[in-house]
Amino acid sequence: MESFSLILAIVVVTALAFDFTNGFHDTANAMATTISTGALKPKVAVAMSAVLNLVGAFLSVEVANTISKGLVDEAGIRPEVIFAALVGAILWNLLTWLVGLPSSSSHALMGGLIGATVASAGFGAVHGDVLVTKVLIPAIAAPLVAGLAAMLATRLTYRMGKKADGKASEKGYRAGQIASAGLVSLAHGTNDAQKTMGIITLALVAGGTLAPDSDPPMWVILSAGIAIALGTYLGGWRIIRTMGKGLTDLQPQQGFAAQTSAATVILASSHLGFSLSTTHSVSGSVMGAGLGRKGGVVRWSTATRMFVAWGLTLPAAALVAALAEWVCGFGDWGTAVVAVFLVVSSAAIWKISRREVIDHTNVNDHEAPGAEPSGVVTQAMAAVTPPPAGTVSEELAATIPAPNDPASPARTTV
């Protein structure tokens, strides 16, 4: 292996920093529902997810190859371009983490890479067919497919469990939820860790350290797996709260259906080399599971803010990365300015986050910050859904006087 230049070393370190933010930003994808339903304690959940993320990083390199070989033209890429792309992706990850929105780390990275490449080599250096078929179409299809699958799975689960003992059934679904959460964690490592592998491999090719069309070296796979696992272990508690409590209220049956559906979609896409957003898949499955239970609700106000963040991810990361690439174009001092800006901005975001600390001790205390009551659509759906047989609504029960209440009106016996 040829010796690293300073800029190449900076790119590799920055890529691993992005992988770290990807870990804590996307922990919610695997463990939010498991934590919110009480199937696992928060710290146990993130530790389990971290280990399986590391294991998943070794299962495939198809997504890494999509990024390093397919999305942009390797010949027109310099290490500074990749550095600028990572700056855009990291800052978007941190901003959305600060406000607790589960946006896509994958799309932040894609947007950053596209924006920096266009600023450096023009639109011709971006392979539009790969962008459409392996990034944009999966971005739209994944939440729809996962959501529909989770809704159907939830309805089937409740129908099959009608006559089952309540406590025994709930215990079984909690165990199933733990297993499905492990599957999502494995899928997350398989899909998301590869994105950092791909970006580092692209940097190594651009810097002349690897030959074009090379697969990620073993040290790249190992370092990317460790970085995402460490980030996962820290736990993105703000986003876990939004995903677990802010979108809908889940029971163990729903959590099991949501995570199983999401894991299936993610693993299938990884096998096909689609750079899928695990965030989109899991969010879609959580909403589908919320709608799949009779009387279940989805907080559309929170979902709408999330959809807006999804739509802004690619262009916002691309714009920041393009500006960073323009500054880097002034030479070494320009690259230094961008690096300092990244460090200072990251520190400022972290300091702001300390004003309201959310961690494993209070992640389930109440709903996500800013979560609003269910909207008109959700209330209407809940109103027309009949309650389970043999139950009385709280509102109706409140109007029935207690038998020995002196203030109760006289009753007529029929």
Protein backbone atom coordinates (compact mmCIF):
# COMPACT_ATOMS: atom_id res chain seq x y z
CA MET A 1 0.00 0.00 0.00
CA GLU A 2 1.27 3.46 -0.89
CA SER A 3 1.78 5.98 1.87
CA PHE A 4 -1.15 8.20 2.83
CA SER A 5 -1.09 11.88 2.06
CA LEU A 6 -2.28 14.24 4.79
CA ILE A 7 -5.54 15.04 2.98
CA LEU A 8 -6.25 11.34 2.48
CA ALA A 9 -5.73 10.67 6.18
CA ILE A 10 -8.09 13.55 7.01
CA VAL A 11 -10.70 12.09 4.66
CA VAL A 12 -10.49 8.64 6.26
CA VAL A 13 -10.81 10.09 9.78
CA THR A 14 -13.73 12.28 8.72
CA ALA A 15 -15.43 9.30 7.06
CA LEU A 16 -15.15 7.32 10.29
CA ALA A 17 -16.55 10.34 12.16
CA PHE A 18 -19.53 10.28 9.79
CA ASP A 19 -19.90 6.54 10.44
CA PHE A 20 -19.93 7.27 14.16
CA THR A 21 -22.72 9.85 13.74
CA ASN A 22 -24.56 7.38 11.52
CA GLY A 23 -24.44 4.89 14.40
CA PHE A 24 -26.01 7.09 17.06
CA HIS A 25 -28.31 8.80 14.55
CA ASP A 26 -29.79 5.50 13.37
CA THR A 27 -29.84 3.48 16.62
CA ALA A 28 -33.55 4.28 16.74
CA ASN A 29 -34.12 2.28 13.57
CA ALA A 30 -33.30 -0.95 15.35
CA MET A 31 -34.18 -0.32 18.97
CA ALA A 32 -36.77 2.46 19.35
CA THR A 33 -39.78 0.16 19.35
CA THR A 34 -38.06 -2.41 21.56
CA ILE A 35 -37.25 0.30 24.12
CA SER A 36 -40.65 2.01 23.95
CA THR A 37 -42.57 -1.24 24.55
CA GLY A 38 -40.26 -2.25 27.41
CA ALA A 39 -39.05 -5.43 25.71
CA LEU A 40 -35.45 -4.48 26.57
CA LYS A 41 -33.89 -1.96 28.91
CA PRO A 42 -32.40 0.98 26.99
CA LYS A 43 -28.71 0.32 27.68
CA VAL A 44 -29.06 -3.40 27.00
CA ALA A 45 -30.84 -2.64 23.74
CA VAL A 46 -28.15 -0.31 22.38
CA ALA A 47 -25.35 -2.68 23.45
CA MET A 48 -27.01 -5.55 21.60
CA SER A 49 -27.54 -3.36 18.55
CA ALA A 50 -23.90 -2.24 18.56
CA VAL A 51 -22.58 -5.81 18.53
CA LEU A 52 -24.89 -6.86 15.70
CA ASN A 53 -24.03 -3.74 13.69
CA LEU A 54 -20.39 -4.80 13.85
CA VAL A 55 -21.23 -8.33 12.74
CA GLY A 56 -23.42 -7.06 9.91
CA ALA A 57 -20.59 -4.97 8.48
CA PHE A 58 -18.83 -8.17 7.40
CA LEU A 59 -21.76 -9.79 5.58
CA SER A 60 -21.65 -7.99 2.22
CA VAL A 61 -19.93 -5.28 0.16
CA GLU A 62 -22.60 -4.78 -2.50
CA VAL A 63 -23.79 -1.40 -1.19
CA ALA A 64 -20.18 -0.25 -0.71
CA ASN A 65 -19.52 -1.04 -4.36
CA THR A 66 -22.59 0.95 -5.42
CA ILE A 67 -21.12 4.03 -3.78
CA SER A 68 -17.45 3.55 -4.65
CA LYS A 69 -17.97 2.39 -8.22
CA GLY A 70 -21.43 3.41 -9.39
CA LEU A 71 -22.74 6.76 -8.16
CA VAL A 72 -20.02 9.13 -9.39
CA ASP A 73 -17.15 8.98 -11.86
CA GLU A 74 -14.04 7.89 -9.97
CA ALA A 75 -11.74 9.56 -12.49
CA GLY A 76 -13.01 13.05 -11.69
CA ILE A 77 -12.89 12.77 -7.91
CA ARG A 78 -10.19 14.16 -5.62
CA PRO A 79 -9.88 13.43 -1.89
CA GLU A 80 -10.91 17.03 -1.14
CA VAL A 81 -14.23 16.38 -2.90
CA ILE A 82 -14.95 13.44 -0.64
CA PHE A 83 -13.97 15.48 2.41
CA ALA A 84 -16.45 18.19 1.41
CA ALA A 85 -19.16 15.54 0.89
CA LEU A 86 -18.59 14.20 4.40
CA VAL A 87 -18.81 17.70 5.90
CA GLY A 88 -22.28 18.15 4.40
CA ALA A 89 -23.43 14.72 5.60
CA ILE A 90 -22.10 15.09 9.16
CA LEU A 91 -23.62 18.53 9.71
CA TRP A 92 -27.03 17.39 8.46
CA ASN A 93 -26.87 14.31 10.72
CA LEU A 94 -26.08 16.46 13.74
CA LEU A 95 -28.76 19.05 13.03
CA THR A 96 -31.52 16.47 12.61
CA TRP A 97 -30.29 14.61 15.70
CA LEU A 98 -30.50 17.85 17.69
CA VAL A 99 -34.19 18.30 16.85
CA GLY A 100 -34.92 14.57 17.19
CA LEU A 101 -35.94 13.92 13.58
CA PRO A 102 -35.17 10.50 12.08
CA SER A 103 -33.77 11.62 8.73
CA SER A 104 -31.64 9.45 6.47
CA SER A 105 -27.89 9.34 7.09
CA SER A 106 -27.61 7.46 3.80
CA HIS A 107 -29.23 10.23 1.82
CA ALA A 108 -27.17 12.84 3.64
CA LEU A 109 -24.05 11.04 2.44
CA MET A 110 -25.41 10.67 -1.09
CA GLY A 111 -26.42 14.31 -1.22
CA GLY A 112 -23.04 15.43 0.07
CA LEU A 113 -21.21 13.30 -2.50
CA ILE A 114 -23.38 14.54 -5.36
CA GLY A 115 -23.11 18.20 -4.35
CA ALA A 116 -19.32 18.11 -3.93
CA THR A 117 -18.86 16.19 -7.19
CA VAL A 118 -21.01 18.62 -9.17
CA ALA A 119 -19.10 21.58 -7.67
CA SER A 120 -15.80 19.97 -8.62
CA ALA A 121 -16.39 18.21 -11.95
CA GLY A 122 -19.88 19.20 -13.13
CA PHE A 123 -23.12 17.29 -13.50
CA GLY A 124 -21.57 14.89 -16.00
CA ALA A 125 -19.54 13.24 -13.25
CA VAL A 126 -22.72 12.00 -11.53
CA HIS A 127 -24.22 8.79 -12.93
CA GLY A 128 -27.87 9.76 -13.12
CA ASP A 129 -29.14 6.26 -13.92
CA VAL A 130 -27.56 4.84 -10.76
CA LEU A 131 -28.90 7.76 -8.71
CA VAL A 132 -32.45 7.12 -9.92
CA THR A 133 -32.55 3.31 -9.86
CA LYS A 134 -30.51 2.58 -6.73
CA VAL A 135 -31.12 5.68 -4.58
CA LEU A 136 -34.25 7.70 -5.46
CA ILE A 137 -36.65 4.89 -6.37
CA PRO A 138 -35.75 2.83 -3.27
CA ALA A 139 -36.15 6.01 -1.18
CA ILE A 140 -39.79 6.27 -2.25
CA ALA A 141 -40.58 2.56 -2.42
CA ALA A 142 -38.96 1.42 0.84
CA PRO A 143 -41.24 3.20 3.37
CA LEU A 144 -44.34 2.31 1.33
CA VAL A 145 -43.44 -1.37 1.03
CA ALA A 146 -42.30 -1.64 4.66
CA GLY A 147 -45.37 0.27 5.89
CA LEU A 148 -47.83 -1.87 3.95
CA ALA A 149 -46.09 -5.07 5.06
CA ALA A 150 -46.12 -3.94 8.71
CA MET A 151 -49.80 -2.96 8.57
CA LEU A 152 -50.81 -6.33 7.14
CA ALA A 153 -48.52 -8.19 9.55
CA THR A 154 -50.00 -6.29 12.51
CA ARG A 155 -53.57 -7.11 11.52
CA LEU A 156 -52.66 -10.76 10.97
CA THR A 157 -50.86 -10.89 14.31
CA TYR A 158 -53.84 -9.55 16.24
CA ARG A 159 -56.23 -11.84 14.40
CA MET A 160 -54.13 -14.92 15.13
CA GLY A 161 -53.72 -13.96 18.78
CA LYS A 162 -57.40 -13.30 19.55
CA LYS A 163 -57.89 -16.46 21.61
CA ALA A 164 -54.40 -16.57 23.10
CA ASP A 165 -53.77 -15.87 26.78
CA GLY A 166 -53.05 -12.15 27.11
CA LYS A 167 -49.99 -12.28 29.36
CA ALA A 168 -48.44 -15.31 27.67
CA SER A 169 -49.04 -13.79 24.24
CA GLU A 170 -47.49 -10.47 25.23
CA LYS A 171 -44.46 -12.23 26.68
CA GLY A 172 -44.02 -14.20 23.47
CA TYR A 173 -44.27 -11.09 21.32
CA ARG A 174 -41.70 -9.31 23.47
CA ALA A 175 -39.29 -12.19 22.86
CA GLY A 176 -40.08 -12.04 19.15
CA GLN A 177 -39.55 -8.30 19.18
CA ILE A 178 -36.07 -8.73 20.66
CA ALA A 179 -35.21 -11.22 17.92
CA SER A 180 -36.58 -8.96 15.17
CA ALA A 181 -34.72 -5.96 16.64
CA GLY A 182 -31.53 -7.99 16.43
CA LEU A 183 -32.33 -8.70 12.79
CA VAL A 184 -32.80 -4.98 12.09
CA SER A 185 -29.46 -4.23 13.80
CA LEU A 186 -27.77 -6.85 11.66
CA ALA A 187 -29.39 -5.40 8.55
CA HIS A 188 -28.37 -1.88 9.57
CA GLY A 189 -24.73 -2.93 9.88
CA THR A 190 -24.95 -4.72 6.54
CA ASN A 191 -26.42 -1.69 4.76
CA ASP A 192 -25.21 1.47 6.52
CA ALA A 193 -21.67 0.51 7.53
CA GLN A 194 -21.05 -0.30 3.88
CA LYS A 195 -21.73 3.29 2.90
CA THR A 196 -18.71 4.46 4.87
CA MET A 197 -16.69 1.58 3.43
CA GLY A 198 -17.67 2.75 -0.03
CA ILE A 199 -16.75 6.38 0.63
CA ILE A 200 -13.35 5.44 2.11
CA THR A 201 -12.67 3.10 -0.81
CA LEU A 202 -13.57 5.90 -3.23
CA ALA A 203 -11.13 8.21 -1.39
CA LEU A 204 -8.37 5.60 -1.57
CA VAL A 205 -8.92 5.22 -5.31
CA ALA A 206 -8.97 8.99 -5.79
CA GLY A 207 -5.75 9.30 -3.78
CA GLY A 208 -3.99 6.61 -5.81
CA THR A 209 -3.72 4.16 -2.94
CA LEU A 210 -6.10 1.62 -4.51
CA ALA A 211 -6.63 0.61 -8.10
CA PRO A 212 -9.95 1.61 -9.71
CA ASP A 213 -12.83 -0.86 -9.24
CA SER A 214 -11.24 -2.31 -6.08
CA ASP A 215 -13.35 -3.82 -3.31
CA PRO A 216 -12.99 -2.36 0.21
CA PRO A 217 -9.85 -3.66 1.98
CA MET A 218 -10.32 -5.62 5.21
CA TRP A 219 -9.03 -2.76 7.40
CA VAL A 220 -11.67 -0.48 5.89
CA ILE A 221 -14.43 -3.00 6.64
CA LEU A 222 -13.21 -3.48 10.22
CA SER A 223 -12.78 0.21 11.00
CA ALA A 224 -16.18 1.12 9.53
CA GLY A 225 -17.85 -1.65 11.54
CA ILE A 226 -16.21 -0.54 14.79
CA ALA A 227 -17.07 3.15 14.23
CA ILE A 228 -20.76 2.50 13.59
CA ALA A 229 -20.91 0.09 16.54
CA LEU A 230 -19.44 2.69 18.91
CA GLY A 231 -21.89 5.31 17.70
CA THR A 232 -24.75 2.88 18.14
CA TYR A 233 -23.74 2.08 21.70
CA LEU A 234 -23.92 5.76 22.67
CA GLY A 235 -27.55 5.70 21.58
CA GLY A 236 -29.28 8.48 19.67
CA TRP A 237 -31.75 8.98 22.50
CA ARG A 238 -33.45 12.02 20.98
CA ILE A 239 -34.37 10.14 17.82
CA ILE A 240 -35.23 6.99 19.78
CA ARG A 241 -37.81 9.04 21.68
CA THR A 242 -39.35 10.38 18.46
CA MET A 243 -39.43 6.99 16.75
CA GLY A 244 -40.67 5.08 19.80
CA LYS A 245 -43.10 7.60 21.30
CA GLY A 246 -43.58 10.48 18.88
CA LEU A 247 -45.01 8.70 15.83
CA THR A 248 -47.42 6.27 17.47
CA ASP A 249 -47.94 4.21 20.61
CA LEU A 250 -46.86 0.64 19.99
CA GLN A 251 -47.75 -2.59 21.72
CA PRO A 252 -45.38 -5.60 21.56
CA GLN A 253 -47.37 -7.17 18.71
CA GLN A 254 -46.99 -4.02 16.65
CA GLY A 255 -43.31 -3.68 17.49
CA PHE A 256 -42.67 -7.23 16.36
CA ALA A 257 -44.53 -6.71 13.07
CA ALA A 258 -42.82 -3.37 12.37
CA GLN A 259 -39.28 -4.58 12.97
CA THR A 260 -39.70 -7.85 11.09
CA SER A 261 -41.10 -6.04 8.05
CA ALA A 262 -38.34 -3.42 8.09
CA ALA A 263 -35.57 -6.00 8.47
CA THR A 264 -36.89 -7.99 5.50
CA VAL A 265 -36.92 -4.92 3.26
CA ILE A 266 -33.45 -3.76 4.36
CA LEU A 267 -31.75 -7.15 3.97
CA ALA A 268 -33.33 -7.69 0.55
CA SER A 269 -32.13 -4.28 -0.64
CA SER A 270 -28.60 -4.90 0.68
CA HIS A 271 -28.44 -8.14 -1.29
CA LEU A 272 -29.45 -6.25 -4.45
CA GLY A 273 -26.97 -3.43 -3.84
CA PHE A 274 -29.60 -0.73 -3.29
CA SER A 275 -28.36 2.11 -1.11
CA LEU A 276 -31.54 2.03 0.93
CA SER A 277 -32.35 4.33 3.83
CA THR A 278 -32.90 2.19 6.90
CA THR A 279 -34.57 5.23 8.49
CA HIS A 280 -37.20 5.39 5.76
CA SER A 281 -37.87 1.66 6.00
CA VAL A 282 -38.24 1.57 9.78
CA SER A 283 -40.27 4.79 9.97
CA GLY A 284 -42.63 3.46 7.32
CA SER A 285 -43.02 0.16 9.14
CA VAL A 286 -43.70 1.92 12.47
CA MET A 287 -46.47 4.00 10.89
CA GLY A 288 -47.86 0.93 9.15
CA ALA A 289 -47.94 -0.96 12.45
CA GLY A 290 -49.66 2.00 14.10
CA LEU A 291 -52.42 1.94 11.48
CA GLY A 292 -52.66 -1.85 11.56
CA ARG A 293 -54.11 -2.04 15.09
CA LYS A 294 -57.77 -1.20 15.65
CA GLY A 295 -57.89 2.14 17.38
CA GLY A 296 -54.20 2.70 16.67
CA VAL A 297 -53.10 6.20 15.82
CA VAL A 298 -50.32 7.92 13.93
CA ARG A 299 -49.35 11.44 14.96
CA TRP A 300 -49.39 13.01 11.55
CA SER A 301 -47.95 16.32 12.77
CA THR A 302 -44.73 14.53 13.77
CA ALA A 303 -44.82 12.43 10.59
CA THR A 304 -45.19 15.56 8.46
CA ARG A 305 -42.10 17.17 10.00
CA MET A 306 -40.25 13.95 9.36
CA PHE A 307 -41.35 13.86 5.70
CA VAL A 308 -40.15 17.44 5.25
CA ALA A 309 -36.75 16.47 6.68
CA TRP A 310 -36.58 13.55 4.27
CA GLY A 311 -37.26 15.82 1.32
CA LEU A 312 -34.62 18.33 2.42
CA THR A 313 -31.88 15.82 3.18
CA LEU A 314 -30.40 15.34 -0.29
CA PRO A 315 -30.48 19.01 -1.40
CA ALA A 316 -29.40 20.42 1.98
CA ALA A 317 -26.40 18.10 2.32
CA ALA A 318 -25.55 18.70 -1.35
CA LEU A 319 -25.60 22.49 -0.91
CA VAL A 320 -23.35 22.44 2.18
CA ALA A 321 -20.97 20.00 0.48
CA ALA A 322 -20.82 22.15 -2.67
CA LEU A 323 -19.94 25.23 -0.60
CA ALA A 324 -17.32 23.24 1.30
CA GLU A 325 -15.80 22.02 -1.97
CA TRP A 326 -15.68 25.59 -3.28
CA VAL A 327 -13.73 26.70 -0.20
CA CYS A 328 -11.44 23.66 -0.39
CA GLY A 329 -10.66 24.68 -3.97
CA PHE A 330 -8.56 27.57 -2.64
CA GLY A 331 -5.88 25.13 -1.52
CA ASP A 332 -4.65 23.77 1.77
CA TRP A 333 -5.78 26.79 3.74
CA GLY A 334 -9.28 26.39 2.33
CA THR A 335 -9.39 22.77 3.45
CA ALA A 336 -8.18 23.85 6.89
CA VAL A 337 -10.96 26.45 7.11
CA VAL A 338 -13.60 23.82 6.26
CA ALA A 339 -12.14 21.42 8.85
CA VAL A 340 -12.22 24.10 11.56
CA PHE A 341 -15.79 25.03 10.58
CA LEU A 342 -16.85 21.39 10.90
CA VAL A 343 -15.30 21.02 14.36
CA VAL A 344 -16.69 24.31 15.68
CA SER A 345 -20.17 23.67 14.28
CA SER A 346 -20.26 20.15 15.73
CA ALA A 347 -19.17 21.43 19.14
CA ALA A 348 -21.83 24.17 19.05
CA ILE A 349 -24.59 21.66 18.22
CA TRP A 350 -23.45 19.39 21.04
CA LYS A 351 -23.45 22.32 23.49
CA ILE A 352 -26.98 23.31 22.48
CA SER A 353 -28.12 19.71 23.00
CA ARG A 354 -26.98 19.88 26.64
CA ARG A 355 -29.77 22.36 27.42
CA GLU A 356 -32.17 19.43 27.47
CA VAL A 357 -30.40 16.16 28.14
CA ILE A 358 -32.14 13.05 26.84
CA ASP A 359 -30.54 9.72 27.68
CA HIS A 360 -31.37 6.17 28.71
CA THR A 361 -32.83 7.36 32.02
CA ASN A 362 -35.62 9.49 30.52
CA VAL A 363 -36.06 8.35 26.92
CA ASN A 364 -39.47 6.82 27.74
CA ASP A 365 -40.64 9.44 30.24
CA HIS A 366 -42.89 11.30 27.85
CA GLU A 367 -43.53 11.85 24.20
CA ALA A 368 -40.96 13.34 21.87
CA PRO A 369 -40.35 17.06 22.25
CA GLY A 370 -42.76 18.96 20.08
CA ALA A 371 -45.00 15.94 19.48
CA GLU A 372 -48.56 17.13 19.12
CA PRO A 373 -51.84 15.34 19.79
CA SER A 374 -53.11 13.17 16.99
CA GLY A 375 -54.58 15.15 14.14
CA VAL A 376 -58.04 15.20 12.60
CA VAL A 377 -57.41 12.19 10.35
CA THR A 378 -56.16 10.02 13.20
CA GLN A 379 -58.97 11.10 15.55
CA ALA A 380 -61.55 10.32 12.89
CA MET A 381 -60.09 6.86 12.29
CA ALA A 382 -60.04 6.16 16.01
CA ALA A 383 -63.63 7.40 16.42
CA VAL A 384 -65.10 4.99 13.89
CA THR A 385 -63.16 1.99 15.17
CA PRO A 386 -65.30 -0.08 17.57
CA PRO A 387 -63.74 -0.92 20.94
CA PRO A 388 -62.89 -4.56 21.71
CA ALA A 389 -65.81 -6.66 22.88
CA GLY A 390 -66.54 -6.54 26.59
CA THR A 391 -64.82 -3.21 27.21
CA VAL A 392 -66.22 0.19 28.10
CA SER A 393 -64.54 3.41 27.11
CA GLU A 394 -63.05 5.59 29.81
CA GLU A 395 -65.37 8.41 28.81
CA LEU A 396 -68.48 6.23 29.24
CA ALA A 397 -67.22 4.74 32.50
CA ALA A 398 -66.70 8.23 33.90
CA THR A 399 -70.40 9.01 33.43
CA ILE A 400 -71.60 5.96 35.43
CA PRO A 401 -71.99 6.84 39.16
CA ALA A 402 -70.34 4.67 41.76
CA PRO A 403 -72.80 2.27 43.51
CA ASN A 404 -72.33 3.80 46.99
CA ASP A 405 -71.83 7.38 45.93
CA PRO A 406 -74.13 9.64 48.04
CA ALA A 407 -74.20 12.14 45.23
CA SER A 408 -75.51 9.53 42.81
CA PRO A 409 -79.06 10.08 41.56
CA ALA A 410 -81.71 7.54 42.48
CA ARG A 411 -81.64 4.50 40.25
CA THR A 412 -84.59 2.67 38.82
CA THR A 413 -84.45 -1.11 38.91
CA VAL A 414 -85.99 -2.83 35.94
